[in-house]
Amino acid sequence: MNSPRISASSYSNTAPLVWSFLYGKGRGTAELIMDTAPARSAELLAQDRVDAALVPVIAYQMIDGVRVVPDVCVGARERVRSVCLVTRGCELADVRTVSLDVSSRTSVVLTKLIFREFLGFEPAWSDAAPDVESMLADSDAALLIGDPALRLSAAGPGRKAYDLAELWHDHTGLGFVFAMWMTRRSSVPIDLAAARDEGIARIDEISANYSSDTGLSRSEMTEYLTSNISYSVDDKMRAGLELYFRLAAKHGLIAENRSLNFV
């Protein structure tokens, strides 16, 4: 019998969810496909080329016949650090053009909601590869996600950085879910919650592996993976996810708001 195929991004914040399949008890139980961009995992799921994928949550509204694995996620209760808008020094109210990181769909929709719903206007959008220098050469602000955002330990001279989860929390009082495991199957033959728990227990080791890649110290990486990122969905994060879908539908960013269907 073939092992199930699963997919996830290679960002540091996904490492605790896939560590088991690479090095732990889950090794050999699944074929793991990793790519820099979370959007790539969504493509593999939409093409039915994997049995489960860790995908941006907006993919739930865009891919037919998907189910969500409950509780396991990449999210934030208040501040995420690795999803941010960087400006050339101006306030968000003065932003007129934004370069959007093509790596993620959820954060792009969240950015548009923050401007439309909370700030009351819409700048001009353009898609871009995640390079802050070239993005800000063309636009007033740049959306960056994952490790490229995390590497911006400081916004830089004359720049300002805005944490999107923090902006969401400031306006709603709710947490935010960025990614969850999803499947088009009736069930998933591997225990993704147990894999998460095993990975969380190895966060010190994971932090040591990723600190050089992100430019953060080992202690900073540990703080990020334990204090900023949440790997379980609490009530406020669940409410935030439901509000996010409602607002996305309100602003025409998804065709309809489909209620969550869990495995």
Protein backbone atom coordinates (compact mmCIF):
# COMPACT_ATOMS: atom_id res chain seq x y z
CA MET A 1 0.00 0.00 0.00
CA ASN A 2 1.38 3.40 -0.97
CA SER A 3 2.10 5.92 1.77
CA PRO A 4 -0.17 8.97 1.81
CA ARG A 5 1.24 12.07 0.13
CA ILE A 6 1.14 15.33 2.08
CA SER A 7 2.38 18.81 1.28
CA ALA A 8 3.47 21.84 3.32
CA SER A 9 5.53 24.98 2.89
CA SER A 10 9.14 25.00 4.05
CA TYR A 11 8.78 28.12 6.21
CA SER A 12 10.12 27.79 9.74
CA ASN A 13 6.66 28.22 11.26
CA THR A 14 5.46 24.97 9.66
CA ALA A 15 8.40 22.94 10.99
CA PRO A 16 6.71 21.77 14.21
CA LEU A 17 3.83 20.36 12.14
CA VAL A 18 6.05 18.31 9.81
CA TRP A 19 9.08 17.50 12.00
CA SER A 20 7.60 14.10 12.90
CA PHE A 21 7.41 13.06 9.24
CA LEU A 22 11.00 14.10 8.59
CA TYR A 23 12.77 12.95 11.74
CA GLY A 24 10.33 11.56 14.29
CA LYS A 25 7.77 8.83 14.86
CA GLY A 26 5.98 9.68 11.61
CA ARG A 27 9.05 9.16 9.45
CA GLY A 28 8.22 6.74 6.65
CA THR A 29 4.46 6.97 7.24
CA ALA A 30 3.91 9.67 4.62
CA GLU A 31 5.57 11.12 1.54
CA LEU A 32 6.14 14.80 2.35
CA ILE A 33 6.38 17.39 -0.44
CA MET A 34 7.73 20.78 0.62
CA ASP A 35 7.85 24.06 -1.28
CA THR A 36 8.71 27.61 -0.29
CA ALA A 37 5.28 29.01 -1.14
CA PRO A 38 2.15 27.94 0.78
CA ALA A 39 0.20 28.63 -2.41
CA ARG A 40 2.00 25.70 -4.04
CA SER A 41 0.51 23.28 -1.50
CA ALA A 42 -2.93 24.66 -2.33
CA GLU A 43 -2.28 23.96 -6.01
CA LEU A 44 -1.33 20.36 -5.28
CA LEU A 45 -4.48 19.90 -3.21
CA ALA A 46 -6.67 21.46 -5.90
CA GLN A 47 -5.09 19.14 -8.49
CA ASP A 48 -5.78 16.13 -6.23
CA ARG A 49 -2.09 15.24 -6.24
CA VAL A 50 -1.82 14.92 -2.45
CA ASP A 51 -3.92 13.29 0.23
CA ALA A 52 -3.61 16.26 2.57
CA ALA A 53 -1.92 19.65 2.48
CA LEU A 54 -1.14 22.43 4.91
CA VAL A 55 -2.66 25.31 2.95
CA PRO A 56 -3.64 28.96 3.37
CA VAL A 57 -7.12 28.95 4.92
CA ILE A 58 -8.65 30.94 2.04
CA ALA A 59 -8.09 27.83 -0.11
CA TYR A 60 -11.03 26.24 1.71
CA GLN A 61 -13.33 28.67 -0.07
CA MET A 62 -11.67 28.18 -3.45
CA ILE A 63 -11.22 24.39 -3.78
CA ASP A 64 -14.25 22.16 -4.21
CA GLY A 65 -14.81 19.24 -1.90
CA VAL A 66 -12.22 19.99 0.77
CA ARG A 67 -12.46 19.12 4.45
CA VAL A 68 -10.48 20.68 7.27
CA VAL A 69 -8.48 18.72 9.81
CA PRO A 70 -9.74 20.19 13.11
CA ASP A 71 -7.60 22.13 15.59
CA VAL A 72 -4.17 21.83 13.92
CA CYS A 73 -3.11 25.16 12.40
CA VAL A 74 -0.55 27.88 11.90
CA GLY A 75 -2.10 30.92 13.53
CA ALA A 76 -1.64 33.74 16.01
CA ARG A 77 -3.61 34.90 19.00
CA GLU A 78 -2.40 38.51 18.81
CA ARG A 79 0.88 39.11 16.95
CA VAL A 80 2.48 36.85 14.34
CA ARG A 81 5.71 38.68 13.32
CA SER A 82 6.01 36.80 10.01
CA VAL A 83 3.13 38.42 8.09
CA CYS A 84 3.67 42.14 7.74
CA LEU A 85 3.17 45.26 5.69
CA VAL A 86 6.31 47.36 5.34
CA THR A 87 6.03 50.96 4.15
CA ARG A 88 8.55 53.50 2.99
CA GLY A 89 7.91 55.39 6.22
CA CYS A 90 4.32 56.44 5.68
CA GLU A 91 1.29 55.57 7.78
CA LEU A 92 -1.13 53.02 6.33
CA ALA A 93 -3.68 55.79 5.85
CA ASP A 94 -1.30 57.39 3.34
CA VAL A 95 -0.53 54.23 1.35
CA ARG A 96 -1.70 54.39 -2.26
CA THR A 97 0.13 51.42 -3.82
CA VAL A 98 0.89 47.98 -2.38
CA SER A 99 3.08 45.15 -3.72
CA LEU A 100 1.62 41.78 -2.68
CA ASP A 101 3.77 38.72 -1.97
CA VAL A 102 2.60 36.05 -4.43
CA SER A 103 3.53 33.28 -1.97
CA SER A 104 0.26 33.34 -0.04
CA ARG A 105 -3.40 33.89 -0.79
CA THR A 106 -4.74 34.18 2.76
CA SER A 107 -2.51 37.14 3.63
CA VAL A 108 -3.34 38.89 0.37
CA VAL A 109 -7.06 38.69 1.16
CA LEU A 110 -6.37 39.80 4.75
CA THR A 111 -4.44 42.82 3.48
CA LYS A 112 -7.31 43.83 1.21
CA LEU A 113 -9.80 43.41 4.07
CA ILE A 114 -7.73 45.59 6.39
CA PHE A 115 -7.77 48.42 3.85
CA ARG A 116 -11.37 48.01 2.69
CA GLU A 117 -13.13 47.13 5.95
CA PHE A 118 -11.03 48.84 8.61
CA LEU A 119 -9.26 51.73 6.87
CA GLY A 120 -12.09 52.50 4.46
CA PHE A 121 -10.17 52.81 1.19
CA GLU A 122 -8.37 50.69 -1.35
CA PRO A 123 -4.89 51.28 -2.76
CA ALA A 124 -3.70 49.97 -6.11
CA TRP A 125 -2.40 46.39 -5.93
CA SER A 126 0.42 44.65 -7.79
CA ASP A 127 1.84 41.13 -7.45
CA ALA A 128 5.51 40.70 -6.69
CA ALA A 129 8.16 38.20 -5.68
CA PRO A 130 9.03 38.50 -1.97
CA ASP A 131 11.92 40.96 -2.20
CA VAL A 132 11.33 44.01 -0.02
CA GLU A 133 13.81 46.26 -1.83
CA SER A 134 12.29 45.79 -5.28
CA MET A 135 8.75 45.83 -3.86
CA LEU A 136 9.27 49.18 -2.15
CA ALA A 137 10.99 50.56 -5.23
CA ASP A 138 7.64 50.19 -7.01
CA SER A 139 5.09 50.70 -4.21
CA ASP A 140 4.40 52.60 -1.00
CA ALA A 141 4.01 49.32 0.92
CA ALA A 142 4.99 45.67 0.60
CA LEU A 143 3.26 42.58 1.96
CA LEU A 144 5.73 39.91 3.08
CA ILE A 145 5.02 36.54 4.67
CA GLY A 146 6.96 33.70 6.24
CA ASP A 147 10.72 33.71 6.68
CA PRO A 148 11.31 36.69 4.32
CA ALA A 149 9.13 38.74 6.69
CA LEU A 150 10.75 37.23 9.78
CA ARG A 151 14.20 38.22 8.51
CA LEU A 152 13.13 41.86 8.74
CA SER A 153 14.17 42.11 12.37
CA ALA A 154 13.81 45.83 11.90
CA ALA A 155 11.89 47.64 9.22
CA GLY A 156 15.01 49.50 8.15
CA PRO A 157 15.93 53.19 8.04
CA GLY A 158 12.91 55.36 7.33
CA ARG A 159 10.54 52.39 7.13
CA LYS A 160 7.60 51.22 9.18
CA ALA A 161 6.41 47.64 9.66
CA TYR A 162 2.85 46.62 10.53
CA ASP A 163 2.03 43.15 11.83
CA LEU A 164 -1.14 41.93 10.06
CA ALA A 165 -2.30 39.66 12.89
CA GLU A 166 -1.84 42.56 15.29
CA LEU A 167 -3.84 44.89 13.03
CA TRP A 168 -6.59 42.25 12.80
CA HIS A 169 -6.62 41.83 16.58
CA ASP A 170 -6.67 45.61 17.14
CA HIS A 171 -9.80 45.96 15.00
CA THR A 172 -11.63 42.75 15.94
CA GLY A 173 -10.27 41.55 19.30
CA LEU A 174 -9.86 38.12 17.68
CA GLY A 175 -7.01 35.81 16.75
CA PHE A 176 -6.22 34.76 13.21
CA VAL A 177 -5.69 31.40 11.50
CA PHE A 178 -3.34 31.53 8.52
CA ALA A 179 -3.09 27.87 7.48
CA MET A 180 -4.67 24.49 8.27
CA TRP A 181 -4.37 20.92 7.06
CA MET A 182 -7.03 20.13 4.44
CA THR A 183 -7.96 17.07 2.43
CA ARG A 184 -10.30 16.02 -0.37
CA ARG A 185 -10.53 12.53 1.11
CA SER A 186 -13.17 11.26 3.54
CA SER A 187 -10.42 10.74 6.12
CA VAL A 188 -6.68 11.20 6.64
CA PRO A 189 -4.78 7.97 7.49
CA ILE A 190 -2.13 9.74 9.59
CA ASP A 191 -2.48 11.53 12.92
CA LEU A 192 -1.65 15.16 12.18
CA ALA A 193 -2.47 16.28 15.73
CA ALA A 194 -0.04 13.75 17.20
CA ALA A 195 2.61 14.92 14.71
CA ARG A 196 2.03 18.51 15.85
CA ASP A 197 2.44 17.53 19.49
CA GLU A 198 5.67 15.70 18.75
CA GLY A 199 7.02 18.69 16.84
CA ILE A 200 6.11 21.14 19.59
CA ALA A 201 8.05 18.98 22.02
CA ARG A 202 11.14 19.45 19.77
CA ILE A 203 10.90 23.22 19.29
CA ASP A 204 14.32 23.84 20.89
CA GLU A 205 15.90 21.59 18.27
CA ILE A 206 13.85 23.15 15.47
CA SER A 207 14.87 26.65 16.61
CA ALA A 208 18.54 25.70 16.44
CA ASN A 209 18.07 24.41 12.88
CA TYR A 210 16.30 27.53 11.61
CA SER A 211 18.06 30.36 13.44
CA SER A 212 20.81 30.71 10.82
CA ASP A 213 18.28 30.73 7.97
CA THR A 214 16.18 33.51 9.48
CA GLY A 215 18.95 35.57 11.06
CA LEU A 216 17.31 35.26 14.47
CA SER A 217 19.05 33.89 17.52
CA ARG A 218 18.03 30.49 18.85
CA SER A 219 16.16 32.12 21.74
CA GLU A 220 14.38 34.52 19.36
CA MET A 221 13.33 31.59 17.17
CA THR A 222 12.03 29.72 20.21
CA GLU A 223 10.05 32.77 21.31
CA TYR A 224 8.60 33.14 17.81
CA LEU A 225 7.54 29.49 17.56
CA THR A 226 6.09 29.38 21.08
CA SER A 227 4.77 32.89 21.80
CA ASN A 228 3.82 34.25 18.38
CA ILE A 229 2.70 31.13 16.50
CA SER A 230 -0.19 29.04 17.76
CA TYR A 231 -0.55 25.49 16.49
CA SER A 232 -4.02 24.90 17.96
CA VAL A 233 -7.25 26.80 17.28
CA ASP A 234 -8.78 28.43 20.35
CA ASP A 235 -12.25 30.00 20.49
CA LYS A 236 -11.09 33.49 19.51
CA MET A 237 -9.07 32.13 16.59
CA ARG A 238 -12.07 30.09 15.41
CA ALA A 239 -14.27 33.20 15.65
CA GLY A 240 -11.60 35.16 13.77
CA LEU A 241 -11.55 32.58 10.98
CA GLU A 242 -15.34 32.71 10.64
CA LEU A 243 -15.31 36.54 10.58
CA TYR A 244 -12.52 36.51 7.99
CA PHE A 245 -14.61 34.34 5.68
CA ARG A 246 -17.71 36.51 6.20
CA LEU A 247 -15.80 39.69 5.38
CA ALA A 248 -14.12 38.08 2.37
CA ALA A 249 -17.57 37.23 1.00
CA LYS A 250 -18.91 40.70 1.85
CA HIS A 251 -16.13 42.33 -0.17
CA GLY A 252 -16.39 39.92 -3.09
CA LEU A 253 -13.00 38.31 -2.47
CA ILE A 254 -14.59 34.83 -2.47
CA ALA A 255 -17.64 33.68 -4.43
CA GLU A 256 -19.49 32.45 -1.33
CA ASN A 257 -18.89 31.76 2.35
CA ARG A 258 -19.02 27.99 2.72
CA SER A 259 -19.39 26.77 6.27
CA LEU A 260 -16.50 24.75 7.64
CA ASN A 261 -16.66 21.00 6.98
CA PHE A 262 -14.28 19.01 9.18
CA VAL A 263 -12.73 15.58 8.72
